[in-house]
Amino acid sequence: MKKYRKRAVLAALAALFLVSMTACSEGADSSVGGNDADKAAGLEAEKGKVVTFMLPAFNYDDDTKWENTVLKAFEEAYPEVKLERVTAAIDNWMVKLRTSANSGDPIDVFQDGANNNPMYALRGLNQPLQNYIDMSNPNLHKETMDTVFCYNGNYHVAVTEPDPCVIFYNKTLFENEGVDSPAELYEAGNWNFDSLVRIAKELTYSDNNGKCWGVACNYPYIFFGANATSMVKLDEKYKYTLNINDPNLKKSLEIIQDAWHTSEWQGWESSPWSTFYNGNAAMLIDFKWVEPQILEAKEYGLCDFEYGVVPMAAGPNNPDGLTPMTAFGYAMGNGCDAPYHAGKLIDMLINGEAADNEKNNEKIPQEHQELYKALSQKLYPINSYDSAVGGAFEICQAIGGGQSISQAIAEYTPIYQQKVDEANGVVTGSSEE
């Protein structure tokens, strides 16, 4: 995924998040950040230290990447410290992160996301950063930071913008088939699980005219967030609790089983994205970061149809239309050597990413940008809660393969409970509890 080299909350959690967001918004340190005198003294005390930075699967020699421009600018602005670039592959970067934390020499700055939080915060892998970064920076997306990365009044990841889940659809195919378009259903207030399933089934076929699926989707857990639920949730002490027996989660599992197995209105060949580009999927459920790739595919002639975009369809437990989302940003290793310089680097990365986002948005239709902005104000952080169980892909795969939902729940309850218990553990220094 390019971005990784690249979801009102449940009623039971509403009070929790009100407390969390209030603490982050009203606390003096949390809203303003550390004072200038402390920061100046901190920068002075860190002279001669090494600032480590890690971005998974990244080429530090590619001058076309905005991140490398920022890293060089940081070196020029702060020559009193040495910037050390840490290389890591997608399959080993988490090991490097945890190993550095256990050794007592945590990486100063690393890319972090909703997929890993609050697990990383709970386990002490990242630390509060509001006293080290510029909390007044307009390029920070505070709604995302409040919703996903704030615990006990502290921010743990700095973010420029979230990635709300949306549905891209083949306008040409819908018009040719005479099927209600997602945009029409959304504008009429009828964009929900029922209407999504209905049109997906209508547009799934395999005959002399070819093969088509109603939906292509690589992330079944999206149907959790679209119904304002998740495989795990947080208690009043910001600890994970397993939510596998929630009736609203079962509803989402039923939709997943119907899509992947019973009615098979979800599918793809090669990949969900290429299948959509080729016109063999009427809809693509993904995150907003995919749109530039769709535009690029059109430029190269890989898809020759007009497309539209609407929010992810909402489940019955989501009357307010909260949007499943993910988000990526920058975190600071807990107990890192140079937190003040790490904060300066994060400030520069936030500004660099915001500038790059603005450049990329130039090609995206204005109405799509307005939709993304609106969706970014009502988020449901599915990835955040389900990080403890890795997105719950295993149970989704099991029911998608035909296993009964009740059997799958019975099988995965002890497995996911163990993962939840592990996620609630604490990593500090060289010891792990």
Protein backbone atom coordinates (compact mmCIF):
# COMPACT_ATOMS: atom_id res chain seq x y z
CA MET A 1 0.00 0.00 0.00
CA LYS A 2 1.36 3.34 -1.01
CA LYS A 3 0.38 5.11 2.18
CA TYR A 4 2.16 2.55 4.33
CA ARG A 5 5.48 2.42 2.67
CA LYS A 6 3.51 3.18 2.55
CA ARG A 7 -15.15 5.28 12.54
CA ALA A 8 -20.87 9.16 17.70
CA VAL A 9 -18.79 6.07 18.80
CA LEU A 10 -20.52 3.04 20.34
CA ALA A 11 -22.96 4.21 22.98
CA ALA A 12 -21.00 2.33 25.63
CA LEU A 13 -17.86 4.31 24.67
CA ALA A 14 -19.41 7.73 24.19
CA ALA A 15 -18.64 8.87 27.72
CA LEU A 16 -15.12 7.52 27.46
CA PHE A 17 -14.32 9.46 24.33
CA LEU A 18 -15.96 12.61 25.67
CA VAL A 19 -13.58 12.43 28.62
CA SER A 20 -10.65 11.62 26.36
CA MET A 21 -11.32 14.42 23.89
CA THR A 22 -12.05 16.96 26.62
CA ALA A 23 -8.81 16.12 28.36
CA CYS A 24 -6.87 16.59 25.17
CA SER A 25 -8.62 19.77 24.15
CA GLU A 26 -8.68 21.63 27.45
CA GLY A 27 -5.48 20.64 29.22
CA ALA A 28 -2.95 23.47 29.10
CA ASP A 29 -0.01 21.30 28.15
CA SER A 30 -2.04 19.19 25.71
CA SER A 31 -3.52 22.07 23.74
CA VAL A 32 -0.50 24.39 23.72
CA GLY A 33 2.50 22.12 24.09
CA GLY A 34 5.65 22.75 26.04
CA ASN A 35 6.67 26.37 26.59
CA ASP A 36 9.35 28.00 24.49
CA ALA A 37 11.87 28.27 27.33
CA ASP A 38 11.68 24.55 28.09
CA LYS A 39 12.04 23.70 24.43
CA ALA A 40 15.04 25.97 24.00
CA ALA A 41 16.72 24.47 27.04
CA GLY A 42 15.91 20.98 25.85
CA LEU A 43 17.39 21.60 22.43
CA GLU A 44 20.54 22.98 24.01
CA ALA A 45 20.92 19.94 26.29
CA GLU A 46 20.61 17.55 23.35
CA LYS A 47 23.56 18.90 21.39
CA GLY A 48 25.81 16.12 20.17
CA LYS A 49 23.13 13.44 20.38
CA VAL A 50 21.86 11.14 17.64
CA VAL A 51 18.28 11.41 16.35
CA THR A 52 17.08 8.15 14.82
CA PHE A 53 14.30 8.02 12.22
CA MET A 54 12.57 4.98 10.72
CA LEU A 55 10.18 4.78 7.79
CA PRO A 56 9.38 1.21 6.69
CA ALA A 57 10.21 0.08 3.16
CA PHE A 58 11.54 3.51 2.24
CA ASN A 59 14.37 4.48 -0.11
CA TYR A 60 16.40 7.17 1.64
CA ASP A 61 18.35 7.79 -1.58
CA ASP A 62 15.36 8.77 -3.73
CA ASP A 63 15.51 12.56 -4.02
CA THR A 64 12.02 12.68 -5.53
CA LYS A 65 10.49 11.71 -2.20
CA TRP A 66 9.31 14.64 -0.07
CA GLU A 67 10.39 12.81 3.08
CA ASN A 68 14.02 12.92 1.96
CA THR A 69 13.73 16.65 1.30
CA VAL A 70 12.49 17.11 4.87
CA LEU A 71 15.24 14.95 6.34
CA LYS A 72 17.94 16.97 4.56
CA ALA A 73 16.31 20.23 5.66
CA PHE A 74 16.33 19.00 9.25
CA GLU A 75 20.04 18.22 9.05
CA GLU A 76 20.72 21.72 7.77
CA ALA A 77 18.54 23.37 10.42
CA TYR A 78 19.91 21.33 13.34
CA PRO A 79 23.56 20.48 12.63
CA GLU A 80 24.21 20.11 16.36
CA VAL A 81 22.68 16.62 16.28
CA LYS A 82 23.29 13.70 13.97
CA LEU A 83 20.33 12.27 12.06
CA GLU A 84 20.52 8.51 11.63
CA ARG A 85 18.19 6.91 9.09
CA VAL A 86 17.04 3.43 10.12
CA THR A 87 16.20 1.06 7.30
CA ALA A 88 13.48 -1.53 7.73
CA ALA A 89 11.35 -3.78 5.57
CA ILE A 90 7.59 -4.17 5.93
CA ASP A 91 8.06 -7.59 7.48
CA ASN A 92 10.60 -6.57 10.12
CA TRP A 93 10.05 -2.92 11.07
CA MET A 94 7.88 -3.77 14.09
CA VAL A 95 10.57 -6.14 15.32
CA LYS A 96 13.16 -3.37 15.03
CA LEU A 97 10.87 -0.97 16.87
CA ARG A 98 10.25 -3.37 19.75
CA THR A 99 13.85 -4.49 19.91
CA SER A 100 15.05 -0.91 20.19
CA ALA A 101 12.53 -0.25 22.98
CA ASN A 102 13.52 -3.38 24.89
CA SER A 103 17.19 -2.47 24.60
CA GLY A 104 16.62 0.89 26.27
CA ASP A 105 17.56 2.80 23.13
CA PRO A 106 14.20 3.51 21.42
CA ILE A 107 13.98 4.99 17.95
CA ASP A 108 13.35 8.71 18.26
CA VAL A 109 10.85 9.18 15.42
CA PHE A 110 8.95 6.58 13.44
CA GLN A 111 5.86 6.37 11.27
CA ASP A 112 2.92 5.12 13.35
CA GLY A 113 -0.73 4.52 12.60
CA ALA A 114 -4.20 3.63 13.82
CA ASN A 115 -3.46 -0.02 13.12
CA ASN A 116 -0.99 -0.03 16.03
CA ASN A 117 -2.81 2.17 18.52
CA PRO A 118 -3.70 2.35 21.32
CA MET A 119 -1.66 -0.85 21.60
CA TYR A 120 1.65 0.96 21.14
CA ALA A 121 0.68 3.65 23.64
CA LEU A 122 -0.58 1.09 26.15
CA ARG A 123 2.58 -0.97 25.83
CA GLY A 124 4.84 2.04 26.21
CA LEU A 125 6.33 1.92 22.73
CA ASN A 126 5.48 5.54 21.96
CA GLN A 127 5.24 8.46 24.34
CA PRO A 128 3.17 11.64 24.74
CA LEU A 129 4.51 14.23 22.34
CA GLN A 130 2.45 17.40 22.90
CA ASN A 131 5.21 19.03 24.95
CA TYR A 132 7.72 18.59 22.13
CA ILE A 133 5.82 19.46 18.93
CA ASP A 134 4.04 22.60 17.78
CA MET A 135 0.46 21.88 18.88
CA SER A 136 -0.71 25.12 17.25
CA ASN A 137 0.39 23.89 13.82
CA PRO A 138 -2.65 24.24 11.49
CA ASN A 139 -1.43 21.21 9.55
CA LEU A 140 -2.25 18.92 12.49
CA HIS A 141 -5.63 17.18 12.15
CA LYS A 142 -6.80 17.48 15.75
CA GLU A 143 -10.07 15.56 15.16
CA THR A 144 -8.10 12.47 14.21
CA MET A 145 -5.63 12.93 17.03
CA ASP A 146 -8.47 13.37 19.53
CA THR A 147 -10.42 10.36 18.26
CA VAL A 148 -7.60 7.90 17.70
CA PHE A 149 -4.39 8.92 19.39
CA CYS A 150 -5.36 10.58 22.69
CA TYR A 151 -5.21 8.62 25.96
CA ASN A 152 -5.33 9.98 29.51
CA GLY A 153 -5.11 13.50 28.09
CA ASN A 154 -1.97 12.84 26.07
CA TYR A 155 -1.37 12.75 22.32
CA HIS A 156 0.77 9.90 21.04
CA VAL A 157 0.83 10.38 17.25
CA ALA A 158 0.90 13.57 15.15
CA VAL A 159 -1.30 13.38 12.04
CA THR A 160 -1.97 15.67 9.09
CA GLU A 161 -5.22 14.03 7.95
CA PRO A 162 -7.18 10.77 8.25
CA ASP A 163 -8.02 8.29 5.53
CA PRO A 164 -11.81 7.82 5.63
CA CYS A 165 -13.26 4.71 4.03
CA VAL A 166 -15.29 5.36 0.89
CA ILE A 167 -16.79 3.48 -2.03
CA PHE A 168 -15.56 4.24 -5.51
CA TYR A 169 -18.06 3.15 -8.16
CA ASN A 170 -18.10 2.70 -11.92
CA LYS A 171 -20.57 5.34 -13.12
CA THR A 172 -20.55 3.99 -16.66
CA LEU A 173 -21.42 0.47 -15.54
CA PHE A 174 -24.27 1.66 -13.32
CA GLU A 175 -25.72 3.75 -16.15
CA ASN A 176 -25.46 0.91 -18.65
CA GLU A 177 -27.13 -1.54 -16.27
CA GLY A 178 -29.85 0.91 -15.17
CA VAL A 179 -29.13 0.29 -11.49
CA ASP A 180 -29.62 2.90 -8.74
CA SER A 181 -26.30 4.61 -8.28
CA PRO A 182 -24.70 4.89 -4.84
CA ALA A 183 -24.80 8.69 -5.16
CA GLU A 184 -28.58 8.67 -5.74
CA LEU A 185 -29.13 6.36 -2.78
CA TYR A 186 -26.84 8.45 -0.57
CA GLU A 187 -28.53 11.72 -1.51
CA ALA A 188 -31.94 10.15 -0.82
CA GLY A 189 -30.79 9.03 2.64
CA ASN A 190 -30.99 5.37 1.67
CA TRP A 191 -27.30 4.47 1.60
CA ASN A 192 -27.03 1.54 4.02
CA PHE A 193 -26.11 -2.14 4.22
CA ASP A 194 -29.42 -3.21 2.64
CA SER A 195 -29.09 -0.98 -0.42
CA LEU A 196 -25.41 -1.82 -0.82
CA VAL A 197 -26.13 -5.57 -0.79
CA ARG A 198 -29.06 -5.17 -3.20
CA ILE A 199 -27.16 -3.33 -5.90
CA ALA A 200 -24.03 -5.43 -5.37
CA LYS A 201 -26.05 -8.58 -6.07
CA GLU A 202 -27.66 -6.99 -9.14
CA LEU A 203 -24.25 -6.20 -10.56
CA THR A 204 -22.65 -9.58 -9.87
CA TYR A 205 -22.76 -11.94 -12.84
CA SER A 206 -20.78 -14.33 -14.98
CA ASP A 207 -22.18 -14.96 -18.47
CA ASN A 208 -21.44 -14.45 -22.13
CA ASN A 209 -20.98 -10.74 -21.47
CA GLY A 210 -18.15 -11.46 -19.08
CA LYS A 211 -17.63 -11.53 -15.34
CA CYS A 212 -18.42 -8.81 -12.82
CA TRP A 213 -18.59 -8.54 -9.05
CA GLY A 214 -20.71 -5.97 -7.29
CA VAL A 215 -17.91 -5.16 -4.85
CA ALA A 216 -14.16 -5.60 -4.61
CA CYS A 217 -12.77 -5.15 -1.10
CA ASN A 218 -9.57 -6.22 0.60
CA TYR A 219 -10.58 -5.20 4.15
CA PRO A 220 -13.57 -7.14 5.55
CA TYR A 221 -13.20 -5.42 8.94
CA ILE A 222 -14.52 -2.25 7.28
CA PHE A 223 -17.97 -3.76 7.76
CA PHE A 224 -17.32 -3.65 11.52
CA GLY A 225 -16.65 0.08 11.58
CA ALA A 226 -19.46 0.79 9.11
CA ASN A 227 -21.81 -0.67 11.73
CA ALA A 228 -20.12 1.35 14.52
CA THR A 229 -18.65 -1.67 16.23
CA SER A 230 -15.34 -3.47 16.48
CA MET A 231 -13.83 -6.76 17.54
CA VAL A 232 -12.36 -5.11 20.64
CA LYS A 233 -13.14 -1.91 22.54
CA LEU A 234 -11.62 0.17 25.34
CA ASP A 235 -12.71 0.20 28.97
CA GLU A 236 -12.62 3.18 31.33
CA LYS A 237 -8.93 2.55 31.99
CA TYR A 238 -8.02 2.54 28.28
CA LYS A 239 -7.51 -1.20 28.27
CA TYR A 240 -8.64 -3.50 25.47
CA THR A 241 -11.67 -5.73 26.07
CA LEU A 242 -12.87 -8.41 23.65
CA ASN A 243 -16.18 -7.53 21.94
CA ILE A 244 -16.63 -10.71 19.93
CA ASN A 245 -20.16 -11.47 21.26
CA ASP A 246 -21.60 -8.04 20.42
CA PRO A 247 -24.84 -8.55 18.35
CA ASN A 248 -23.83 -5.61 16.18
CA LEU A 249 -20.55 -7.34 15.38
CA LYS A 250 -22.50 -10.48 14.45
CA LYS A 251 -24.53 -8.41 11.99
CA SER A 252 -21.30 -7.31 10.33
CA LEU A 253 -20.03 -10.88 10.25
CA GLU A 254 -23.29 -11.92 8.54
CA ILE A 255 -22.73 -9.31 5.82
CA ILE A 256 -19.15 -10.48 5.37
CA GLN A 257 -20.22 -14.12 5.06
CA ASP A 258 -22.90 -13.26 2.50
CA ALA A 259 -20.45 -11.15 0.48
CA TRP A 260 -17.51 -13.54 0.49
CA HIS A 261 -19.30 -16.91 0.57
CA THR A 262 -23.11 -17.25 0.45
CA SER A 263 -24.02 -14.82 -2.35
CA GLU A 264 -20.48 -14.05 -3.50
CA TRP A 265 -21.14 -10.45 -4.51
CA GLN A 266 -17.61 -9.57 -3.42
CA GLY A 267 -14.61 -10.77 -5.36
CA TRP A 268 -11.72 -9.98 -7.65
CA GLU A 269 -9.11 -11.36 -9.98
CA SER A 270 -5.46 -10.54 -9.38
CA SER A 271 -6.28 -7.69 -6.96
CA PRO A 272 -9.32 -5.60 -5.93
CA TRP A 273 -7.78 -2.52 -7.51
CA SER A 274 -6.90 -3.93 -10.91
CA THR A 275 -10.29 -5.66 -11.04
CA PHE A 276 -12.00 -2.32 -10.52
CA TYR A 277 -9.75 -0.57 -13.04
CA ASN A 278 -10.57 -3.27 -15.60
CA GLY A 279 -14.30 -2.73 -15.17
CA ASN A 280 -14.89 -6.14 -13.59
CA ALA A 281 -16.07 -4.75 -10.25
CA ALA A 282 -18.88 -2.22 -9.99
CA MET A 283 -17.64 -0.84 -6.68
CA LEU A 284 -14.34 -0.69 -4.82
CA ILE A 285 -14.45 -0.32 -1.02
CA ASP A 286 -11.23 1.28 0.14
CA PHE A 287 -9.78 4.44 1.65
CA LYS A 288 -9.49 7.88 0.07
CA TRP A 289 -5.78 7.46 -0.64
CA VAL A 290 -6.75 5.17 -3.53
CA GLU A 291 -8.20 7.99 -5.64
CA PRO A 292 -4.84 9.28 -6.93
CA GLN A 293 -4.12 5.72 -8.07
CA ILE A 294 -7.44 5.61 -9.93
CA LEU A 295 -6.57 8.87 -11.66
CA GLU A 296 -3.15 7.52 -12.55
CA ALA A 297 -4.74 4.36 -13.95
CA LYS A 298 -6.99 6.53 -16.13
CA GLU A 299 -4.00 8.49 -17.39
CA TYR A 300 -2.31 5.27 -18.45
CA GLY A 301 -5.48 3.96 -20.09
CA LEU A 302 -5.90 1.16 -17.58
CA CYS A 303 -9.53 2.14 -16.99
CA ASP A 304 -11.79 3.89 -19.46
CA PHE A 305 -14.91 4.71 -17.42
CA GLU A 306 -16.19 7.58 -15.34
CA TYR A 307 -16.13 6.96 -11.61
CA GLY A 308 -17.81 8.45 -8.56
CA VAL A 309 -17.24 8.28 -4.81
CA VAL A 310 -19.61 8.04 -1.84
CA PRO A 311 -19.16 7.29 1.88
CA MET A 312 -19.06 3.69 3.03
CA ALA A 313 -22.63 2.41 3.45
CA ALA A 314 -23.79 2.49 7.09
CA GLY A 315 -25.03 -0.48 9.11
CA PRO A 316 -28.15 -0.45 11.35
CA ASN A 317 -26.07 0.36 14.43
CA ASN A 318 -24.62 3.44 12.72
CA PRO A 319 -27.54 5.86 12.16
CA ASP A 320 -25.24 8.89 12.22
CA GLY A 321 -23.18 7.57 9.32
CA LEU A 322 -19.85 7.53 11.14
CA THR A 323 -16.99 6.75 8.80
CA PRO A 324 -14.57 3.85 9.26
CA MET A 325 -11.10 5.24 8.92
CA THR A 326 -7.42 4.69 9.24
CA ALA A 327 -4.67 7.21 9.83
CA PHE A 328 -0.91 7.42 9.73
CA GLY A 329 1.40 9.91 11.32
CA TYR A 330 4.57 10.25 13.36
CA ALA A 331 5.34 9.06 16.86
CA MET A 332 8.18 9.40 19.32
CA GLY A 333 9.87 6.43 20.95
CA ASN A 334 9.17 6.23 24.68
CA GLY A 335 12.22 7.52 26.52
CA CYS A 336 14.07 8.45 23.34
CA ASP A 337 17.41 10.27 23.60
CA ALA A 338 16.49 13.53 21.88
CA PRO A 339 12.76 14.28 22.32
CA TYR A 340 13.08 18.02 21.63
CA HIS A 341 14.85 17.53 18.34
CA ALA A 342 12.50 14.62 17.61
CA GLY A 343 9.65 17.09 18.08
CA LYS A 344 11.22 19.50 15.60
CA LEU A 345 11.61 16.69 13.08
CA ILE A 346 7.95 15.70 13.54
CA ASP A 347 6.92 19.34 12.99
CA MET A 348 8.83 19.38 9.72
CA LEU A 349 7.44 16.02 8.62
CA ILE A 350 3.88 17.19 9.31
CA ASN A 351 4.43 20.31 7.22
CA GLY A 352 6.12 18.37 4.45
CA GLU A 353 3.33 15.82 4.27
CA ALA A 354 0.67 18.55 4.29
CA ALA A 355 2.38 20.24 1.35
CA ASP A 356 2.61 16.95 -0.52
CA ASN A 357 -1.08 16.24 0.18
CA GLU A 358 -2.03 19.64 -1.18
CA LYS A 359 -0.06 18.97 -4.33
CA ASN A 360 -1.68 15.56 -4.81
CA ASN A 361 -5.15 17.00 -4.21
CA GLU A 362 -4.82 19.28 -7.22
CA LYS A 363 -5.95 16.46 -9.51
CA ILE A 364 -8.83 15.29 -7.30
CA PRO A 365 -12.26 16.75 -8.16
CA GLN A 366 -13.31 19.50 -5.75
CA GLU A 367 -16.55 17.74 -4.80
CA HIS A 368 -14.57 14.67 -3.79
CA GLN A 369 -12.25 16.77 -1.64
CA GLU A 370 -15.28 18.34 0.06
CA LEU A 371 -16.70 14.89 0.77
CA TYR A 372 -13.44 13.71 2.32
CA LYS A 373 -13.27 16.83 4.47
CA ALA A 374 -16.83 16.28 5.73
CA LEU A 375 -16.19 12.61 6.47
CA SER A 376 -13.05 13.54 8.40
CA GLN A 377 -15.23 15.24 11.01
CA LYS A 378 -17.18 12.10 11.97
CA LEU A 379 -14.74 9.25 12.31
CA TYR A 380 -15.00 5.73 13.71
CA PRO A 381 -11.50 4.37 14.40
CA ILE A 382 -11.98 0.70 13.53
CA ASN A 383 -8.29 0.02 12.92
CA SER A 384 -7.38 1.52 16.26
CA TYR A 385 -9.56 -0.75 18.38
CA ASP A 386 -8.91 -3.87 16.33
CA SER A 387 -5.15 -3.41 16.30
CA ALA A 388 -4.95 -5.83 19.23
CA VAL A 389 -6.24 -8.68 17.04
CA GLY A 390 -4.64 -7.67 13.75
CA GLY A 391 -7.86 -6.53 12.09
CA ALA A 392 -9.54 -9.86 12.92
CA PHE A 393 -8.69 -11.15 9.46
CA GLU A 394 -8.66 -14.78 10.63
CA ILE A 395 -12.30 -14.92 11.72
CA CYS A 396 -13.34 -13.00 8.62
CA GLN A 397 -11.49 -15.49 6.46
CA ALA A 398 -13.08 -18.40 8.31
CA ILE A 399 -16.68 -17.23 7.88
CA GLY A 400 -15.85 -16.05 4.37
CA GLY A 401 -14.85 -19.62 3.67
CA GLY A 402 -18.17 -20.99 4.91
CA GLN A 403 -17.61 -21.73 8.61
CA SER A 404 -20.70 -20.97 10.68
CA ILE A 405 -20.50 -17.70 12.56
CA SER A 406 -21.29 -19.30 15.92
CA GLN A 407 -18.53 -21.87 15.44
CA ALA A 408 -16.06 -19.20 14.38
CA ILE A 409 -16.88 -17.07 17.41
CA ALA A 410 -16.37 -20.07 19.71
CA GLU A 411 -13.07 -20.91 18.04
CA TYR A 412 -11.59 -17.43 18.01
CA THR A 413 -12.75 -16.24 21.43
CA PRO A 414 -9.80 -17.78 23.32
CA ILE A 415 -7.36 -16.91 20.54
CA TYR A 416 -8.35 -13.24 20.46
CA GLN A 417 -8.60 -13.05 24.26
CA GLN A 418 -4.95 -14.08 24.47
CA LYS A 419 -4.02 -11.39 21.93
CA VAL A 420 -6.00 -8.80 23.90
CA ASP A 421 -4.21 -9.79 27.08
CA GLU A 422 -0.86 -9.47 25.32
CA ALA A 423 -1.81 -6.07 23.87
CA ASN A 424 -2.62 -4.83 27.37
CA GLY A 425 0.90 -5.70 28.51
CA VAL A 426 3.49 -3.02 29.10
CA VAL A 427 6.91 -2.63 27.52
CA THR A 428 9.23 -0.32 29.44
CA GLY A 429 12.96 -0.20 28.97
CA SER A 430 14.43 -3.67 28.78
CA SER A 431 11.63 -5.48 30.64
CA GLU A 432 8.23 -6.71 29.39
CA GLU A 433 5.34 -7.43 31.73
